[in-house]
PDB file of all heavy atoms in Angstrom:
ATOM      1  N   ALA A   1     -12.183  -3.955 -25.981  1.00  0.00           N
ATOM      2  CA  ALA A   1     -13.544  -3.298 -25.756  1.00  0.00           C
ATOM      3  C   ALA A   1     -13.872  -3.394 -24.279  1.00  0.00           C
ATOM      4  O   ALA A   1     -15.019  -3.027 -23.970  1.00  0.00           O
ATOM      5  CB  ALA A   1     -14.545  -3.942 -26.665  1.00  0.00           C
ATOM      6  N   THR A   2     -13.039  -3.903 -23.369  1.00  0.00           N
ATOM      7  CA  THR A   2     -13.406  -3.943 -21.949  1.00  0.00           C
ATOM      8  C   THR A   2     -12.607  -3.082 -21.107  1.00  0.00           C
ATOM      9  O   THR A   2     -11.463  -2.826 -21.356  1.00  0.00           O
ATOM     10  CB  THR A   2     -13.356  -5.457 -21.508  1.00  0.00           C
ATOM     11  OG1 THR A   2     -11.895  -5.793 -21.574  1.00  0.00           O
ATOM     12  CG2 THR A   2     -14.100  -6.387 -22.388  1.00  0.00           C
ATOM     13  N   THR A   3     -13.277  -2.699 -19.958  1.00  0.00           N
ATOM     14  CA  THR A   3     -12.566  -1.986 -18.912  1.00  0.00           C
ATOM     15  C   THR A   3     -12.743  -2.801 -17.653  1.00  0.00           C
ATOM     16  O   THR A   3     -13.871  -3.294 -17.324  1.00  0.00           O
ATOM     17  CB  THR A   3     -13.203  -0.619 -18.690  1.00  0.00           C
ATOM     18  OG1 THR A   3     -13.047   0.126 -19.961  1.00  0.00           O
ATOM     19  CG2 THR A   3     -12.487   0.114 -17.540  1.00  0.00           C
ATOM     20  N   THR A   4     -11.677  -2.971 -16.926  1.00  0.00           N
ATOM     21  CA  THR A   4     -11.754  -3.836 -15.647  1.00  0.00           C
ATOM     22  C   THR A   4     -11.104  -3.052 -14.499  1.00  0.00           C
ATOM     23  O   THR A   4     -10.260  -2.279 -14.722  1.00  0.00           O
ATOM     24  CB  THR A   4     -10.816  -5.167 -15.893  1.00  0.00           C
ATOM     25  OG1 THR A   4     -11.215  -5.794 -17.089  1.00  0.00           O
ATOM     26  CG2 THR A   4     -10.920  -6.073 -14.726  1.00  0.00           C
ATOM     27  N   GLU A   5     -11.678  -3.287 -13.340  1.00  0.00           N
ATOM     28  CA  GLU A   5     -11.077  -2.704 -12.130  1.00  0.00           C
ATOM     29  C   GLU A   5     -10.363  -3.739 -11.446  1.00  0.00           C
ATOM     30  O   GLU A   5     -10.835  -4.914 -11.290  1.00  0.00           O
ATOM     31  CB  GLU A   5     -12.165  -2.134 -11.232  1.00  0.00           C
ATOM     32  CG  GLU A   5     -12.908  -0.952 -11.860  1.00  0.00           C
ATOM     33  CD  GLU A   5     -13.858  -0.220 -10.956  1.00  0.00           C
ATOM     34  OE1 GLU A   5     -13.690  -0.400  -9.755  1.00  0.00           O
ATOM     35  OE2 GLU A   5     -14.791   0.501 -11.499  1.00  0.00           O
ATOM     36  N   LEU A   6      -9.142  -3.350 -10.931  1.00  0.00           N
ATOM     37  CA  LEU A   6      -8.341  -4.364 -10.203  1.00  0.00           C
ATOM     38  C   LEU A   6      -7.494  -3.617  -9.219  1.00  0.00           C
ATOM     39  O   LEU A   6      -7.264  -2.440  -9.257  1.00  0.00           O
ATOM     40  CB  LEU A   6      -7.500  -5.186 -11.174  1.00  0.00           C
ATOM     41  CG  LEU A   6      -6.526  -4.507 -12.030  1.00  0.00           C
ATOM     42  CD1 LEU A   6      -5.132  -4.637 -11.443  1.00  0.00           C
ATOM     43  CD2 LEU A   6      -6.505  -5.201 -13.403  1.00  0.00           C
ATOM     44  N   LEU A   7      -6.914  -4.419  -8.259  1.00  0.00           N
ATOM     45  CA  LEU A   7      -6.009  -3.929  -7.297  1.00  0.00           C
ATOM     46  C   LEU A   7      -4.648  -3.870  -7.999  1.00  0.00           C
ATOM     47  O   LEU A   7      -4.140  -4.837  -8.316  1.00  0.00           O
ATOM     48  CB  LEU A   7      -5.883  -4.833  -6.094  1.00  0.00           C
ATOM     49  CG  LEU A   7      -4.752  -4.456  -5.067  1.00  0.00           C
ATOM     50  CD1 LEU A   7      -5.246  -3.229  -4.272  1.00  0.00           C
ATOM     51  CD2 LEU A   7      -4.541  -5.617  -4.132  1.00  0.00           C
ATOM     52  N   GLY A   8      -4.200  -2.642  -8.349  1.00  0.00           N
ATOM     53  CA  GLY A   8      -2.939  -2.441  -9.051  1.00  0.00           C
ATOM     54  C   GLY A   8      -1.754  -2.536  -8.098  1.00  0.00           C
ATOM     55  O   GLY A   8      -0.639  -2.731  -8.577  1.00  0.00           O
ATOM     56  N   GLY A   9      -1.907  -2.312  -6.865  1.00  0.00           N
ATOM     57  CA  GLY A   9      -0.843  -2.309  -5.897  1.00  0.00           C
ATOM     58  C   GLY A   9      -1.360  -2.012  -4.499  1.00  0.00           C
ATOM     59  O   GLY A   9      -2.492  -1.528  -4.349  1.00  0.00           O
ATOM     60  N   PHE A  10      -0.435  -2.159  -3.650  1.00  0.00           N
ATOM     61  CA  PHE A  10      -0.771  -1.787  -2.187  1.00  0.00           C
ATOM     62  C   PHE A  10       0.494  -1.389  -1.410  1.00  0.00           C
ATOM     63  O   PHE A  10       1.612  -1.833  -1.847  1.00  0.00           O
ATOM     64  CB  PHE A  10      -1.537  -2.902  -1.589  1.00  0.00           C
ATOM     65  CG  PHE A  10      -0.715  -4.025  -1.088  1.00  0.00           C
ATOM     66  CD1 PHE A  10      -0.160  -4.130   0.201  1.00  0.00           C
ATOM     67  CD2 PHE A  10      -0.410  -4.951  -2.039  1.00  0.00           C
ATOM     68  CE1 PHE A  10       0.649  -5.135   0.461  1.00  0.00           C
ATOM     69  CE2 PHE A  10       0.520  -6.078  -1.737  1.00  0.00           C
ATOM     70  CZ  PHE A  10       0.969  -6.093  -0.507  1.00  0.00           C
ATOM     71  N   GLY A  11       0.365  -0.745  -0.327  1.00  0.00           N
ATOM     72  CA  GLY A  11       1.433  -0.502   0.539  1.00  0.00           C
ATOM     73  C   GLY A  11       0.925  -0.514   1.980  1.00  0.00           C
ATOM     74  O   GLY A  11      -0.196  -0.023   2.193  1.00  0.00           O
ATOM     75  N   ALA A  12       1.726  -0.941   2.884  1.00  0.00           N
ATOM     76  CA  ALA A  12       1.327  -0.938   4.376  1.00  0.00           C
ATOM     77  C   ALA A  12       2.408  -0.341   5.146  1.00  0.00           C
ATOM     78  O   ALA A  12       3.600  -0.762   5.050  1.00  0.00           O
ATOM     79  CB  ALA A  12       1.080  -2.363   4.800  1.00  0.00           C
ATOM     80  N   MET A  13       2.146   0.711   5.952  1.00  0.00           N
ATOM     81  CA  MET A  13       3.037   1.359   6.739  1.00  0.00           C
ATOM     82  C   MET A  13       2.598   1.380   8.226  1.00  0.00           C
ATOM     83  O   MET A  13       1.546   1.785   8.482  1.00  0.00           O
ATOM     84  CB  MET A  13       3.366   2.854   6.321  1.00  0.00           C
ATOM     85  CG  MET A  13       4.481   3.502   7.028  1.00  0.00           C
ATOM     86  SD  MET A  13       4.847   5.090   6.380  1.00  0.00           S
ATOM     87  CE  MET A  13       5.772   4.731   4.921  1.00  0.00           C
ATOM     88  N   GLU A  14       3.553   1.085   9.110  1.00  0.00           N
ATOM     89  CA  GLU A  14       3.285   1.065  10.559  1.00  0.00           C
ATOM     90  C   GLU A  14       3.877   2.467  11.102  1.00  0.00           C
ATOM     91  O   GLU A  14       5.004   2.750  10.834  1.00  0.00           O
ATOM     92  CB  GLU A  14       3.846  -0.119  11.219  1.00  0.00           C
ATOM     93  CG  GLU A  14       3.565  -0.101  12.690  1.00  0.00           C
ATOM     94  CD  GLU A  14       4.035  -1.466  13.315  1.00  0.00           C
ATOM     95  OE1 GLU A  14       4.925  -2.166  12.738  1.00  0.00           O
ATOM     96  OE2 GLU A  14       3.578  -1.805  14.467  1.00  0.00           O
ATOM     97  N   PHE A  15       3.155   3.076  11.878  1.00  0.00           N
ATOM     98  CA  PHE A  15       3.531   4.420  12.433  1.00  0.00           C
ATOM     99  C   PHE A  15       3.826   4.347  13.883  1.00  0.00           C
ATOM    100  O   PHE A  15       3.092   3.827  14.658  1.00  0.00           O
ATOM    101  CB  PHE A  15       2.403   5.473  12.186  1.00  0.00           C
ATOM    102  CG  PHE A  15       2.109   5.756  10.743  1.00  0.00           C
ATOM    103  CD1 PHE A  15       1.243   4.986  10.027  1.00  0.00           C
ATOM    104  CD2 PHE A  15       2.618   6.876  10.136  1.00  0.00           C
ATOM    105  CE1 PHE A  15       1.033   5.226   8.657  1.00  0.00           C
ATOM    106  CE2 PHE A  15       2.418   7.137   8.869  1.00  0.00           C
ATOM    107  CZ  PHE A  15       1.598   6.297   8.086  1.00  0.00           C
ATOM    108  N   GLY A  16       5.025   4.778  14.237  1.00  0.00           N
ATOM    109  CA  GLY A  16       5.463   4.835  15.647  1.00  0.00           C
ATOM    110  C   GLY A  16       5.373   6.276  16.057  1.00  0.00           C
ATOM    111  O   GLY A  16       4.833   7.145  15.369  1.00  0.00           O
ATOM    112  N   LEU A  17       6.083   6.562  17.153  1.00  0.00           N
ATOM    113  CA  LEU A  17       6.095   7.906  17.643  1.00  0.00           C
ATOM    114  C   LEU A  17       6.915   8.942  16.800  1.00  0.00           C
ATOM    115  O   LEU A  17       6.525  10.010  16.497  1.00  0.00           O
ATOM    116  CB  LEU A  17       6.618   8.004  19.095  1.00  0.00           C
ATOM    117  CG  LEU A  17       5.753   7.382  20.147  1.00  0.00           C
ATOM    118  CD1 LEU A  17       6.321   7.406  21.482  1.00  0.00           C
ATOM    119  CD2 LEU A  17       4.388   8.102  20.181  1.00  0.00           C
ATOM    120  N   ASP A  18       8.110   8.469  16.373  1.00  0.00           N
ATOM    121  CA  ASP A  18       8.990   9.310  15.554  1.00  0.00           C
ATOM    122  C   ASP A  18       9.565   8.618  14.376  1.00  0.00           C
ATOM    123  O   ASP A  18      10.226   9.210  13.537  1.00  0.00           O
ATOM    124  CB  ASP A  18      10.142   9.927  16.441  1.00  0.00           C
ATOM    125  CG  ASP A  18      10.927   8.865  17.094  1.00  0.00           C
ATOM    126  OD1 ASP A  18      10.639   7.570  16.947  1.00  0.00           O
ATOM    127  OD2 ASP A  18      11.844   9.222  17.810  1.00  0.00           O
ATOM    128  N   ARG A  19       9.176   7.314  14.139  1.00  0.00           N
ATOM    129  CA  ARG A  19       9.591   6.575  12.921  1.00  0.00           C
ATOM    130  C   ARG A  19       8.474   5.786  12.459  1.00  0.00           C
ATOM    131  O   ARG A  19       7.537   5.354  13.159  1.00  0.00           O
ATOM    132  CB  ARG A  19      10.653   5.539  13.378  1.00  0.00           C
ATOM    133  CG  ARG A  19      11.922   6.145  13.937  1.00  0.00           C
ATOM    134  CD  ARG A  19      12.871   5.048  14.349  1.00  0.00           C
ATOM    135  NE  ARG A  19      13.720   4.534  13.342  1.00  0.00           N
ATOM    136  CZ  ARG A  19      14.956   5.009  13.109  1.00  0.00           C
ATOM    137  NH1 ARG A  19      15.439   5.917  13.773  1.00  0.00           N
ATOM    138  NH2 ARG A  19      15.612   4.467  12.070  1.00  0.00           N
ATOM    139  N   ALA A  20       8.543   5.603  11.089  1.00  0.00           N
ATOM    140  CA  ALA A  20       7.533   4.711  10.515  1.00  0.00           C
ATOM    141  C   ALA A  20       8.282   3.506   9.895  1.00  0.00           C
ATOM    142  O   ALA A  20       9.444   3.629   9.581  1.00  0.00           O
ATOM    143  CB  ALA A  20       6.706   5.476   9.422  1.00  0.00           C
ATOM    144  N   HIS A  21       7.577   2.384   9.657  1.00  0.00           N
ATOM    145  CA  HIS A  21       8.174   1.232   9.045  1.00  0.00           C
ATOM    146  C   HIS A  21       7.295   0.811   7.886  1.00  0.00           C
ATOM    147  O   HIS A  21       6.107   0.525   8.064  1.00  0.00           O
ATOM    148  CB  HIS A  21       8.279   0.026  10.105  1.00  0.00           C
ATOM    149  CG  HIS A  21       9.032  -1.099   9.572  1.00  0.00           C
ATOM    150  ND1 HIS A  21       8.369  -2.235   9.176  1.00  0.00           N
ATOM    151  CD2 HIS A  21      10.350  -1.292   9.265  1.00  0.00           C
ATOM    152  CE1 HIS A  21       9.139  -3.133   8.810  1.00  0.00           C
ATOM    153  NE2 HIS A  21      10.441  -2.547   8.780  1.00  0.00           N
ATOM    154  N   LEU A  22       7.866   0.847   6.682  1.00  0.00           N
ATOM    155  CA  LEU A  22       7.161   0.360   5.497  1.00  0.00           C
ATOM    156  C   LEU A  22       7.244  -1.117   5.496  1.00  0.00           C
ATOM    157  O   LEU A  22       8.326  -1.767   5.342  1.00  0.00           O
ATOM    158  CB  LEU A  22       7.779   0.917   4.259  1.00  0.00           C
ATOM    159  CG  LEU A  22       7.072   0.553   2.891  1.00  0.00           C
ATOM    160  CD1 LEU A  22       5.663   1.156   2.852  1.00  0.00           C
ATOM    161  CD2 LEU A  22       7.873   1.113   1.706  1.00  0.00           C
ATOM    162  N   VAL A  23       6.060  -1.749   5.793  1.00  0.00           N
ATOM    163  CA  VAL A  23       6.018  -3.202   6.013  1.00  0.00           C
ATOM    164  C   VAL A  23       5.911  -3.923   4.667  1.00  0.00           C
ATOM    165  O   VAL A  23       6.643  -4.900   4.452  1.00  0.00           O
ATOM    166  CB  VAL A  23       4.728  -3.593   6.863  1.00  0.00           C
ATOM    167  CG1 VAL A  23       4.660  -5.057   7.088  1.00  0.00           C
ATOM    168  CG2 VAL A  23       4.770  -2.779   8.163  1.00  0.00           C
ATOM    169  N   LEU A  24       5.118  -3.419   3.788  1.00  0.00           N
ATOM    170  CA  LEU A  24       4.856  -4.064   2.518  1.00  0.00           C
ATOM    171  C   LEU A  24       4.546  -3.041   1.395  1.00  0.00           C
ATOM    172  O   LEU A  24       3.942  -2.014   1.692  1.00  0.00           O
ATOM    173  CB  LEU A  24       3.729  -5.036   2.540  1.00  0.00           C
ATOM    174  CG  LEU A  24       3.730  -6.216   3.541  1.00  0.00           C
ATOM    175  CD1 LEU A  24       2.287  -6.783   3.730  1.00  0.00           C
ATOM    176  CD2 LEU A  24       4.642  -7.259   3.038  1.00  0.00           C
ATOM    177  N   LEU A  25       5.070  -3.263   0.164  1.00  0.00           N
ATOM    178  CA  LEU A  25       4.755  -2.469  -0.973  1.00  0.00           C
ATOM    179  C   LEU A  25       4.944  -3.308  -2.187  1.00  0.00           C
ATOM    180  O   LEU A  25       5.939  -3.968  -2.390  1.00  0.00           O
ATOM    181  CB  LEU A  25       5.683  -1.270  -1.053  1.00  0.00           C
ATOM    182  CG  LEU A  25       5.400  -0.259  -2.225  1.00  0.00           C
ATOM    183  CD1 LEU A  25       4.141   0.607  -1.846  1.00  0.00           C
ATOM    184  CD2 LEU A  25       6.593   0.594  -2.437  1.00  0.00           C
TER     185      LEU A  25
END
């Protein structure tokens, strides 16, 4: 009977000039 809000996931990406780096997921 309950509804909860939570952090289901996250991702962190660092952006360079021509490449990106997925730091965390």
